[in-house]
Structures are given as structure tokens and as C-alpha cells.
PDB file of N, CA and C in Angstrom:
ATOM      1  N   MET A   1       0.993  -1.154   0.053  1.00  0.00           N
ATOM      2  CA  MET A   1      -0.148  -0.184  -0.026  1.00  0.00           C
ATOM      3  C   MET A   1       1.060   1.362   0.084  1.00  0.00           C
ATOM      4  N   THR A   2       0.680   1.892  -0.574  1.00  0.00           N
ATOM      5  CA  THR A   2       1.118   3.513  -0.653  1.00  0.00           C
ATOM      6  C   THR A   2       0.424   4.479  -0.302  1.00  0.00           C
ATOM      7  N   ASP A   3       1.888   6.035  -0.048  1.00  0.00           N
ATOM      8  CA  ASP A   3       0.603   6.575   0.746  1.00  0.00           C
ATOM      9  C   ASP A   3       0.069   7.633  -0.191  1.00  0.00           C
ATOM     10  N   GLU A   4      -0.241   7.394  -1.221  1.00  0.00           N
ATOM     11  CA  GLU A   4      -1.293   7.430  -2.344  1.00  0.00           C
ATOM     12  C   GLU A   4      -2.101   6.792  -1.850  1.00  0.00           C
ATOM     13  N   ASP A   5      -2.435   5.889  -1.361  1.00  0.00           N
ATOM     14  CA  ASP A   5      -3.579   4.612  -0.536  1.00  0.00           C
ATOM     15  C   ASP A   5      -4.421   5.004   0.269  1.00  0.00           C
ATOM     16  N   ARG A   6      -3.251   5.581   0.808  1.00  0.00           N
ATOM     17  CA  ARG A   6      -3.942   6.036   2.348  1.00  0.00           C
ATOM     18  C   ARG A   6      -3.879   7.197   2.233  1.00  0.00           C
ATOM     19  N   THR A   7      -3.415   8.599   1.286  1.00  0.00           N
ATOM     20  CA  THR A   7      -4.297   9.718   1.851  1.00  0.00           C
ATOM     21  C   THR A   7      -5.206   9.705   0.534  1.00  0.00           C
ATOM     22  N   ALA A   8      -6.069  11.439   1.228  1.00  0.00           N
ATOM     23  CA  ALA A   8      -6.486  11.847  -0.388  1.00  0.00           C
ATOM     24  C   ALA A   8      -7.685  13.229   0.116  1.00  0.00           C
ATOM     25  N   GLU A   9      -6.939  13.574  -0.630  1.00  0.00           N
ATOM     26  CA  GLU A   9      -7.718  15.976  -0.633  1.00  0.00           C
ATOM     27  C   GLU A   9      -9.235  16.629  -1.312  1.00  0.00           C
ATOM     28  N   ALA A  10      -9.853  17.514  -0.964  1.00  0.00           N
ATOM     29  CA  ALA A  10     -10.538  17.351  -1.780  1.00  0.00           C
ATOM     30  C   ALA A  10     -11.604  18.990  -0.899  1.00  0.00           C
ATOM     31  N   ASP A  11     -12.243  19.631  -1.512  1.00  0.00           N
ATOM     32  CA  ASP A  11     -12.953  20.565  -1.396  1.00  0.00           C
ATOM     33  C   ASP A  11     -12.302  21.091   0.197  1.00  0.00           C
ATOM     34  N   GLY A  12     -11.286  21.515   0.443  1.00  0.00           N
ATOM     35  CA  GLY A  12     -10.629  22.156   1.524  1.00  0.00           C
ATOM     36  C   GLY A  12     -10.632  20.794   3.080  1.00  0.00           C
ATOM     37  N   ILE A  13     -10.711  19.746   2.487  1.00  0.00           N
ATOM     38  CA  ILE A  13     -10.461  18.653   3.888  1.00  0.00           C
ATOM     39  C   ILE A  13      -9.511  17.301   2.976  1.00  0.00           C
ATOM     40  N   ALA A  14      -9.156  16.486   3.967  1.00  0.00           N
ATOM     41  CA  ALA A  14      -7.568  16.443   3.857  1.00  0.00           C
ATOM     42  C   ALA A  14      -7.736  15.137   5.066  1.00  0.00           C
ATOM     43  N   ALA A  15      -7.738  13.490   3.980  1.00  0.00           N
ATOM     44  CA  ALA A  15      -7.566  12.697   5.179  1.00  0.00           C
ATOM     45  C   ALA A  15      -6.765  11.775   4.572  1.00  0.00           C
ATOM     46  N   SER A  16      -6.912  10.685   5.819  1.00  0.00           N
ATOM     47  CA  SER A  16      -5.244  10.023   6.138  1.00  0.00           C
ATOM     48  C   SER A  16      -5.979   9.171   6.375  1.00  0.00           C
ATOM     49  N   TYR A  17      -5.590   7.464   5.478  1.00  0.00           N
ATOM     50  CA  TYR A  17      -5.942   6.690   6.601  1.00  0.00           C
ATOM     51  C   TYR A  17      -4.848   5.970   7.437  1.00  0.00           C
ATOM     52  N   GLU A  18      -4.182   5.384   8.305  1.00  0.00           N
ATOM     53  CA  GLU A  18      -3.406   4.523   9.123  1.00  0.00           C
ATOM     54  C   GLU A  18      -3.818   2.753   9.587  1.00  0.00           C
ATOM     55  N   GLU A  19      -3.061   2.171  10.045  1.00  0.00           N
ATOM     56  CA  GLU A  19      -2.950   1.242  10.854  1.00  0.00           C
ATOM     57  C   GLU A  19      -2.184   1.313  12.073  1.00  0.00           C
ATOM     58  N   THR A  20      -2.928   1.180  13.666  1.00  0.00           N
ATOM     59  CA  THR A  20      -2.134   0.449  14.186  1.00  0.00           C
ATOM     60  C   THR A  20      -2.363  -0.386  15.322  1.00  0.00           C
ATOM     61  N   ASP A  21      -1.979  -0.692  16.610  1.00  0.00           N
ATOM     62  CA  ASP A  21      -1.666  -1.671  16.452  1.00  0.00           C
ATOM     63  C   ASP A  21      -3.174  -3.070  16.913  1.00  0.00           C
ATOM     64  N   GLY A  22      -4.099  -1.566  17.452  1.00  0.00           N
ATOM     65  CA  GLY A  22      -5.599  -2.622  17.070  1.00  0.00           C
ATOM     66  C   GLY A  22      -6.904  -2.202  16.151  1.00  0.00           C
ATOM     67  N   GLU A  23      -6.483  -1.159  15.139  1.00  0.00           N
ATOM     68  CA  GLU A  23      -7.600  -0.610  14.726  1.00  0.00           C
ATOM     69  C   GLU A  23      -6.559   0.307  13.984  1.00  0.00           C
ATOM     70  N   ARG A  24      -8.369  -0.172  12.585  1.00  0.00           N
ATOM     71  CA  ARG A  24      -7.557   1.044  11.381  1.00  0.00           C
ATOM     72  C   ARG A  24      -8.179   2.536  11.742  1.00  0.00           C
ATOM     73  N   ARG A  25      -7.513   2.989  11.410  1.00  0.00           N
ATOM     74  CA  ARG A  25      -8.104   4.569  11.688  1.00  0.00           C
ATOM     75  C   ARG A  25      -7.978   5.943  10.143  1.00  0.00           C
ATOM     76  N   LEU A  26      -9.828   5.816  10.068  1.00  0.00           N
ATOM     77  CA  LEU A  26      -9.297   7.240   8.662  1.00  0.00           C
ATOM     78  C   LEU A  26      -9.827   8.496   9.378  1.00  0.00           C
ATOM     79  N   SER A  27      -8.815   9.342   9.267  1.00  0.00           N
ATOM     80  CA  SER A  27      -9.426  10.987  10.338  1.00  0.00           C
ATOM     81  C   SER A  27      -8.830  11.932   9.000  1.00  0.00           C
ATOM     82  N   PHE A  28      -9.982  12.756   9.431  1.00  0.00           N
ATOM     83  CA  PHE A  28     -10.450  14.110   8.202  1.00  0.00           C
ATOM     84  C   PHE A  28      -9.843  15.356   8.940  1.00  0.00           C
ATOM     85  N   GLU A  29      -9.377  15.645   8.372  1.00  0.00           N
ATOM     86  CA  GLU A  29      -9.274  17.397   8.587  1.00  0.00           C
ATOM     87  C   GLU A  29      -9.437  18.658   7.140  1.00  0.00           C
ATOM     88  N   ARG A  30     -10.204  19.665   8.176  1.00  0.00           N
ATOM     89  CA  ARG A  30     -10.558  20.894   7.404  1.00  0.00           C
ATOM     90  C   ARG A  30      -9.358  21.487   6.923  1.00  0.00           C
ATOM     91  N   THR A  31      -8.859  21.832   5.653  1.00  0.00           N
ATOM     92  CA  THR A  31      -7.397  22.606   5.349  1.00  0.00           C
ATOM     93  C   THR A  31      -8.435  24.275   4.386  1.00  0.00           C
ATOM     94  N   ASP A  32      -9.640  23.974   5.289  1.00  0.00           N
ATOM     95  CA  ASP A  32      -9.872  25.422   4.486  1.00  0.00           C
ATOM     96  C   ASP A  32      -9.773  26.585   5.379  1.00  0.00           C
ATOM     97  N   GLY A  33      -8.875  26.440   6.119  1.00  0.00           N
ATOM     98  CA  GLY A  33      -9.403  27.532   7.486  1.00  0.00           C
ATOM     99  C   GLY A  33     -10.196  28.045   8.308  1.00  0.00           C
ATOM    100  N   ALA A  34     -11.418  26.706   8.046  1.00  0.00           N
ATOM    101  CA  ALA A  34     -12.660  26.824   9.183  1.00  0.00           C
ATOM    102  C   ALA A  34     -12.508  26.029  10.233  1.00  0.00           C
ATOM    103  N   GLY A  35     -11.375  25.492  10.090  1.00  0.00           N
ATOM    104  CA  GLY A  35     -10.561  24.125  11.325  1.00  0.00           C
ATOM    105  C   GLY A  35     -11.817  22.959  11.373  1.00  0.00           C
ATOM    106  N   GLY A  36     -11.433  21.816  12.726  1.00  0.00           N
ATOM    107  CA  GLY A  36     -11.914  20.965  12.612  1.00  0.00           C
ATOM    108  C   GLY A  36     -11.112  19.334  11.801  1.00  0.00           C
ATOM    109  N   THR A  37     -11.617  18.777  12.916  1.00  0.00           N
ATOM    110  CA  THR A  37     -10.590  17.050  13.008  1.00  0.00           C
ATOM    111  C   THR A  37     -12.462  15.865  13.453  1.00  0.00           C
ATOM    112  N   ALA A  38     -12.521  14.873  12.759  1.00  0.00           N
ATOM    113  CA  ALA A  38     -12.424  13.792  13.121  1.00  0.00           C
ATOM    114  C   ALA A  38     -12.216  12.524  12.804  1.00  0.00           C
ATOM    115  N   THR A  39     -12.357  11.260  13.490  1.00  0.00           N
ATOM    116  CA  THR A  39     -12.001  10.164  12.972  1.00  0.00           C
ATOM    117  C   THR A  39     -12.563   8.900  12.601  1.00  0.00           C
ATOM    118  N   VAL A  40     -12.524   8.220  12.254  1.00  0.00           N
ATOM    119  CA  VAL A  40     -13.835   7.210  12.073  1.00  0.00           C
ATOM    120  C   VAL A  40     -12.713   5.784  12.704  1.00  0.00           C
ATOM    121  N   ALA A  41     -13.111   4.933  13.326  1.00  0.00           N
ATOM    122  CA  ALA A  41     -12.132   3.650  13.749  1.00  0.00           C
ATOM    123  C   ALA A  41     -12.858   2.674  13.950  1.00  0.00           C
ATOM    124  N   GLN A  42     -12.069   1.619  13.978  1.00  0.00           N
ATOM    125  CA  GLN A  42     -12.369   0.272  13.027  1.00  0.00           C
ATOM    126  C   GLN A  42     -12.055  -1.001  13.800  1.00  0.00           C
ATOM    127  N   ASN A  43     -11.548  -2.160  14.304  1.00  0.00           N
ATOM    128  CA  ASN A  43     -11.267  -2.980  14.493  1.00  0.00           C
ATOM    129  C   ASN A  43     -10.300  -3.345  13.186  1.00  0.00           C
ATOM    130  N   LEU A  44      -8.674  -4.422  13.314  1.00  0.00           N
ATOM    131  CA  LEU A  44      -8.258  -4.078  12.655  1.00  0.00           C
ATOM    132  C   LEU A  44      -8.809  -5.132  11.640  1.00  0.00           C
ATOM    133  N   GLU A  45      -9.588  -6.668  12.043  1.00  0.00           N
ATOM    134  CA  GLU A  45     -10.531  -7.624  11.119  1.00  0.00           C
ATOM    135  C   GLU A  45     -11.321  -6.827  10.801  1.00  0.00           C
ATOM    136  N   GLY A  46     -11.798  -5.577  10.638  1.00  0.00           N
ATOM    137  CA  GLY A  46     -13.114  -4.430  10.010  1.00  0.00           C
ATOM    138  C   GLY A  46     -14.458  -5.691  10.228  1.00  0.00           C
ATOM    139  N   TYR A  47     -14.368  -5.733  11.194  1.00  0.00           N
ATOM    140  CA  TYR A  47     -15.636  -6.683  11.387  1.00  0.00           C
ATOM    141  C   TYR A  47     -16.870  -5.722  12.728  1.00  0.00           C
ATOM    142  N   ALA A  48     -16.462  -5.106  13.551  1.00  0.00           N
ATOM    143  CA  ALA A  48     -16.656  -4.330  14.464  1.00  0.00           C
ATOM    144  C   ALA A  48     -17.552  -3.277  14.224  1.00  0.00           C
ATOM    145  N   MET A  49     -18.159  -2.390  14.821  1.00  0.00           N
ATOM    146  CA  MET A  49     -18.522  -1.395  14.761  1.00  0.00           C
ATOM    147  C   MET A  49     -18.010  -0.127  14.277  1.00  0.00           C
ATOM    148  N   LEU A  50     -17.900   0.761  13.382  1.00  0.00           N
ATOM    149  CA  LEU A  50     -17.345   2.061  13.396  1.00  0.00           C
ATOM    150  C   LEU A  50     -17.308   3.013  14.642  1.00  0.00           C
ATOM    151  N   LYS A  51     -16.197   3.455  15.676  1.00  0.00           N
ATOM    152  CA  LYS A  51     -16.415   4.422  16.299  1.00  0.00           C
ATOM    153  C   LYS A  51     -16.612   5.502  15.493  1.00  0.00           C
ATOM    154  N   VAL A  52     -16.821   7.073  16.143  1.00  0.00           N
ATOM    155  CA  VAL A  52     -16.461   8.445  15.455  1.00  0.00           C
ATOM    156  C   VAL A  52     -16.303   9.467  16.608  1.00  0.00           C
ATOM    157  N   ARG A  53     -14.888   9.598  16.566  1.00  0.00           N
ATOM    158  CA  ARG A  53     -14.351  10.117  17.453  1.00  0.00           C
ATOM    159  C   ARG A  53     -14.353  11.859  17.189  1.00  0.00           C
ATOM    160  N   PRO A  54     -13.976  12.959  17.811  1.00  0.00           N
ATOM    161  CA  PRO A  54     -13.412  13.895  16.948  1.00  0.00           C
ATOM    162  C   PRO A  54     -11.923  14.007  16.543  1.00  0.00           C
ATOM    163  N   THR A  55     -10.786  12.991  17.158  1.00  0.00           N
ATOM    164  CA  THR A  55      -9.183  12.784  17.751  1.00  0.00           C
ATOM    165  C   THR A  55      -8.947  11.691  16.998  1.00  0.00           C
ATOM    166  N   PRO A  56      -8.392  10.948  16.664  1.00  0.00           N
ATOM    167  CA  PRO A  56      -7.540  10.031  16.251  1.00  0.00           C
ATOM    168  C   PRO A  56      -7.435   9.133  17.898  1.00  0.00           C
ATOM    169  N   ASP A  57      -6.833   9.261  18.679  1.00  0.00           N
ATOM    170  CA  ASP A  57      -7.554   9.601  20.086  1.00  0.00           C
ATOM    171  C   ASP A  57      -8.245   9.372  21.201  1.00  0.00           C
ATOM    172  N   GLY A  58      -9.301  10.526  20.469  1.00  0.00           N
ATOM    173  CA  GLY A  58     -10.594  10.993  21.301  1.00  0.00           C
ATOM    174  C   GLY A  58     -11.321   9.928  21.647  1.00  0.00           C
ATOM    175  N   ASP A  59     -12.150  10.963  22.545  1.00  0.00           N
ATOM    176  CA  ASP A  59     -13.189  10.058  23.384  1.00  0.00           C
ATOM    177  C   ASP A  59     -13.909   9.533  22.397  1.00  0.00           C
ATOM    178  N   GLU A  60     -14.612   8.347  22.330  1.00  0.00           N
ATOM    179  CA  GLU A  60     -15.410   7.769  21.552  1.00  0.00           C
ATOM    180  C   GLU A  60     -17.067   8.911  21.331  1.00  0.00           C
ATOM    181  N   LEU A  61     -16.928   9.332  20.610  1.00  0.00           N
ATOM    182  CA  LEU A  61     -18.482   9.906  20.215  1.00  0.00           C
ATOM    183  C   LEU A  61     -19.963   9.295  19.761  1.00  0.00           C
ATOM    184  N   GLU A  62     -20.156   8.379  18.846  1.00  0.00           N
ATOM    185  CA  GLU A  62     -20.783   7.649  18.783  1.00  0.00           C
ATOM    186  C   GLU A  62     -20.499   5.800  18.470  1.00  0.00           C
ATOM    187  N   ARG A  63     -21.089   5.210  18.001  1.00  0.00           N
ATOM    188  CA  ARG A  63     -20.995   4.191  17.432  1.00  0.00           C
ATOM    189  C   ARG A  63     -21.818   3.888  16.154  1.00  0.00           C
ATOM    190  N   TYR A  64     -21.527   3.128  15.109  1.00  0.00           N
ATOM    191  CA  TYR A  64     -22.055   2.718  13.907  1.00  0.00           C
ATOM    192  C   TYR A  64     -22.197   1.407  12.743  1.00  0.00           C
ATOM    193  N   TYR A  65     -23.209   0.890  12.400  1.00  0.00           N
ATOM    194  CA  TYR A  65     -22.367  -0.102  11.993  1.00  0.00           C
ATOM    195  C   TYR A  65     -22.828   0.513  10.856  1.00  0.00           C
ATOM    196  N   GLY A  66     -22.881   1.124   9.930  1.00  0.00           N
ATOM    197  CA  GLY A  66     -22.575   1.716   9.038  1.00  0.00           C
ATOM    198  C   GLY A  66     -21.820   2.387   8.230  1.00  0.00           C
ATOM    199  N   PHE A  67     -20.513   2.465   6.877  1.00  0.00           N
ATOM    200  CA  PHE A  67     -19.961   3.116   7.074  1.00  0.00           C
ATOM    201  C   PHE A  67     -20.481   4.930   6.628  1.00  0.00           C
ATOM    202  N   ASP A  68     -21.580   4.674   6.066  1.00  0.00           N
ATOM    203  CA  ASP A  68     -22.350   5.369   5.551  1.00  0.00           C
ATOM    204  C   ASP A  68     -22.366   6.819   6.834  1.00  0.00           C
ATOM    205  N   MET A  69     -23.478   5.785   7.085  1.00  0.00           N
ATOM    206  CA  MET A  69     -23.791   6.822   8.939  1.00  0.00           C
ATOM    207  C   MET A  69     -22.653   7.639   9.268  1.00  0.00           C
ATOM    208  N   ALA A  70     -21.420   6.775   9.827  1.00  0.00           N
ATOM    209  CA  ALA A  70     -19.950   7.394  10.345  1.00  0.00           C
ATOM    210  C   ALA A  70     -19.575   8.499   9.815  1.00  0.00           C
ATOM    211  N   LEU A  71     -19.967   8.637   8.158  1.00  0.00           N
ATOM    212  CA  LEU A  71     -19.467   9.680   7.301  1.00  0.00           C
ATOM    213  C   LEU A  71     -20.693  10.719   7.514  1.00  0.00           C
ATOM    214  N   ASP A  72     -21.363  10.008   8.113  1.00  0.00           N
ATOM    215  CA  ASP A  72     -22.369  11.606   8.131  1.00  0.00           C
ATOM    216  C   ASP A  72     -22.477  11.691   9.484  1.00  0.00           C
ATOM    217  N   HIS A  73     -21.858  11.261  10.356  1.00  0.00           N
ATOM    218  CA  HIS A  73     -21.973  12.106  11.590  1.00  0.00           C
ATOM    219  C   HIS A  73     -20.170  13.087  11.445  1.00  0.00           C
ATOM    220  N   VAL A  74     -19.550  12.367  10.513  1.00  0.00           N
ATOM    221  CA  VAL A  74     -18.329  12.984  10.508  1.00  0.00           C
ATOM    222  C   VAL A  74     -18.445  14.455   9.802  1.00  0.00           C
ATOM    223  N   GLY A  75     -19.591  14.365   8.434  1.00  0.00           N
ATOM    224  CA  GLY A  75     -19.312  15.487   8.180  1.00  0.00           C
ATOM    225  C   GLY A  75     -20.735  17.371   8.646  1.00  0.00           C
ATOM    226  N   GLU A  76     -21.484  16.163  10.128  1.00  0.00           N
ATOM    227  CA  GLU A  76     -21.989  16.998  10.879  1.00  0.00           C
ATOM    228  C   GLU A  76     -20.762  17.408  11.894  1.00  0.00           C
ATOM    229  N   LEU A  77     -20.022  16.815  12.001  1.00  0.00           N
ATOM    230  CA  LEU A  77     -18.890  17.271  12.803  1.00  0.00           C
ATOM    231  C   LEU A  77     -18.075  18.311  12.140  1.00  0.00           C
ATOM    232  N   LEU A  78     -17.584  18.444  10.860  1.00  0.00           N
ATOM    233  CA  LEU A  78     -16.948  19.263  10.158  1.00  0.00           C
ATOM    234  C   LEU A  78     -17.621  20.029   9.164  1.00  0.00           C
ATOM    235  N   GLY A  79     -18.664  20.111   9.318  1.00  0.00           N
ATOM    236  CA  GLY A  79     -20.089  21.200   8.667  1.00  0.00           C
ATOM    237  C   GLY A  79     -19.579  21.321   7.499  1.00  0.00           C
ATOM    238  N   VAL A  80     -19.750  19.646   7.236  1.00  0.00           N
ATOM    239  CA  VAL A  80     -19.420  19.881   5.446  1.00  0.00           C
ATOM    240  C   VAL A  80     -20.997  19.129   5.029  1.00  0.00           C
ATOM    241  N   SER A  81     -21.201  18.456   3.544  1.00  0.00           N
ATOM    242  CA  SER A  81     -21.499  17.768   3.328  1.00  0.00           C
ATOM    243  C   SER A  81     -20.762  15.908   3.310  1.00  0.00           C
ATOM    244  N   PRO A  82     -21.485  15.068   4.069  1.00  0.00           N
ATOM    245  CA  PRO A  82     -20.398  13.731   3.824  1.00  0.00           C
ATOM    246  C   PRO A  82     -20.034  13.254   2.491  1.00  0.00           C
ATOM    247  N   HIS A  83     -20.904  13.500   1.418  1.00  0.00           N
ATOM    248  CA  HIS A  83     -20.249  13.605   0.377  1.00  0.00           C
ATOM    249  C   HIS A  83     -19.137  14.104  -0.128  1.00  0.00           C
ATOM    250  N   LYS A  84     -18.536  15.787   0.363  1.00  0.00           N
ATOM    251  CA  LYS A  84     -17.928  15.953  -0.039  1.00  0.00           C
ATOM    252  C   LYS A  84     -16.444  15.146   0.764  1.00  0.00           C
ATOM    253  N   LEU A  85     -16.389  14.146   1.832  1.00  0.00           N
ATOM    254  CA  LEU A  85     -15.809  13.598   1.830  1.00  0.00           C
ATOM    255  C   LEU A  85     -14.736  13.181   1.512  1.00  0.00           C
ATOM    256  N   PRO A  86     -13.422  13.093   1.432  1.00  0.00           N
ATOM    257  CA  PRO A  86     -12.284  12.561   0.332  1.00  0.00           C
ATOM    258  C   PRO A  86     -11.812  10.559   0.844  1.00  0.00           C
ATOM    259  N   ILE A  87     -12.655  10.028   0.593  1.00  0.00           N
ATOM    260  CA  ILE A  87     -12.140   8.234   1.257  1.00  0.00           C
ATOM    261  C   ILE A  87     -11.084   8.282   0.492  1.00  0.00           C
ATOM    262  N   PRO A  88      -9.841   7.674   1.096  1.00  0.00           N
ATOM    263  CA  PRO A  88      -8.224   7.283   0.788  1.00  0.00           C
ATOM    264  C   PRO A  88      -8.986   5.767  -0.075  1.00  0.00           C
ATOM    265  N   ASP A  89      -8.146   4.936  -1.344  1.00  0.00           N
ATOM    266  CA  ASP A  89      -8.729   4.242  -1.317  1.00  0.00           C
ATOM    267  C   ASP A  89      -8.618   2.907  -0.435  1.00  0.00           C
ATOM    268  N   ALA A  90      -7.516   2.951   0.528  1.00  0.00           N
ATOM    269  CA  ALA A  90      -7.075   2.105   1.558  1.00  0.00           C
ATOM    270  C   ALA A  90      -8.285   1.854   2.860  1.00  0.00           C
ATOM    271  N   ALA A  91      -9.057   2.996   3.010  1.00  0.00           N
ATOM    272  CA  ALA A  91      -9.876   2.865   3.345  1.00  0.00           C
ATOM    273  C   ALA A  91     -11.874   2.871   2.634  1.00  0.00           C
ATOM    274  N   ALA A  92     -11.012   2.458   1.634  1.00  0.00           N
ATOM    275  CA  ALA A  92     -12.719   2.545   0.892  1.00  0.00           C
ATOM    276  C   ALA A  92     -13.809   0.970   1.289  1.00  0.00           C
ATOM    277  N   ASP A  93     -13.112  -0.072   1.985  1.00  0.00           N
ATOM    278  CA  ASP A  93     -13.912  -0.770   2.625  1.00  0.00           C
ATOM    279  C   ASP A  93     -14.202  -1.479   4.286  1.00  0.00           C
ATOM    280  N   MET A  94     -14.039   0.529   4.496  1.00  0.00           N
ATOM    281  CA  MET A  94     -13.939  -0.080   5.610  1.00  0.00           C
ATOM    282  C   MET A  94     -16.161   0.103   6.211  1.00  0.00           C
ATOM    283  N   GLY A  95     -16.464  -0.674   7.830  1.00  0.00           N
ATOM    284  CA  GLY A  95     -17.860  -0.806   7.826  1.00  0.00           C
ATOM    285  C   GLY A  95     -18.373  -2.021   6.892  1.00  0.00           C
ATOM    286  N   MET A  96     -17.758  -2.792   5.666  1.00  0.00           N
ATOM    287  CA  MET A  96     -17.799  -3.490   4.987  1.00  0.00           C
ATOM    288  C   MET A  96     -18.229  -5.236   5.799  1.00  0.00           C
TER     289      MET A  96
END
């Protein structure tokens, strides 16, 4: 997996994907000066509920079964349409 597979940027939002010892994390940051961050986390096996956090290591705000539902919450946190969130290729299968 390359860095290009792990990052994406569009419409003033940067997204990055990483795998830690215990989970997969998809983090978003507003880069257009409006500020704001959010992270969607899931266990490495990819079968558990998705957790939405304000930051990669922040406290869990909510859990979701579906990736689309988690992205809706991220969109709310960032103040953008969830359809504008760039998704790196490496994270495209989260919530499946």
C-alpha cells in the first residue's frame, strides 16, 4: 500500500488512513481555514462497529454499523456534506 492509497484531499478536506496495533483509522481535517477534525475507527479485522471520534485518540462520540452513517456524523462535525469527504483507497472497505 502506497502513501497515495492512504491519503486523499478535496474541497478543503484532507483525509488520511492508518493502521495501528489494534485498529484502522480514517482521519479527516478541514484545510480550508474553517478548522475541525474527526476520525472513524474500526478494529483491524474490519467487522466491528465504526467509532466516530473528534481526533484519532479522542473519546468515542458514537458507534455506527454502517460506513455511510459514520461519514454522516463526520460531515456534521466538520460542517460539510458527507458526500464531499474524500476517501483514500485504503479505507474504501471500512464498515463492510
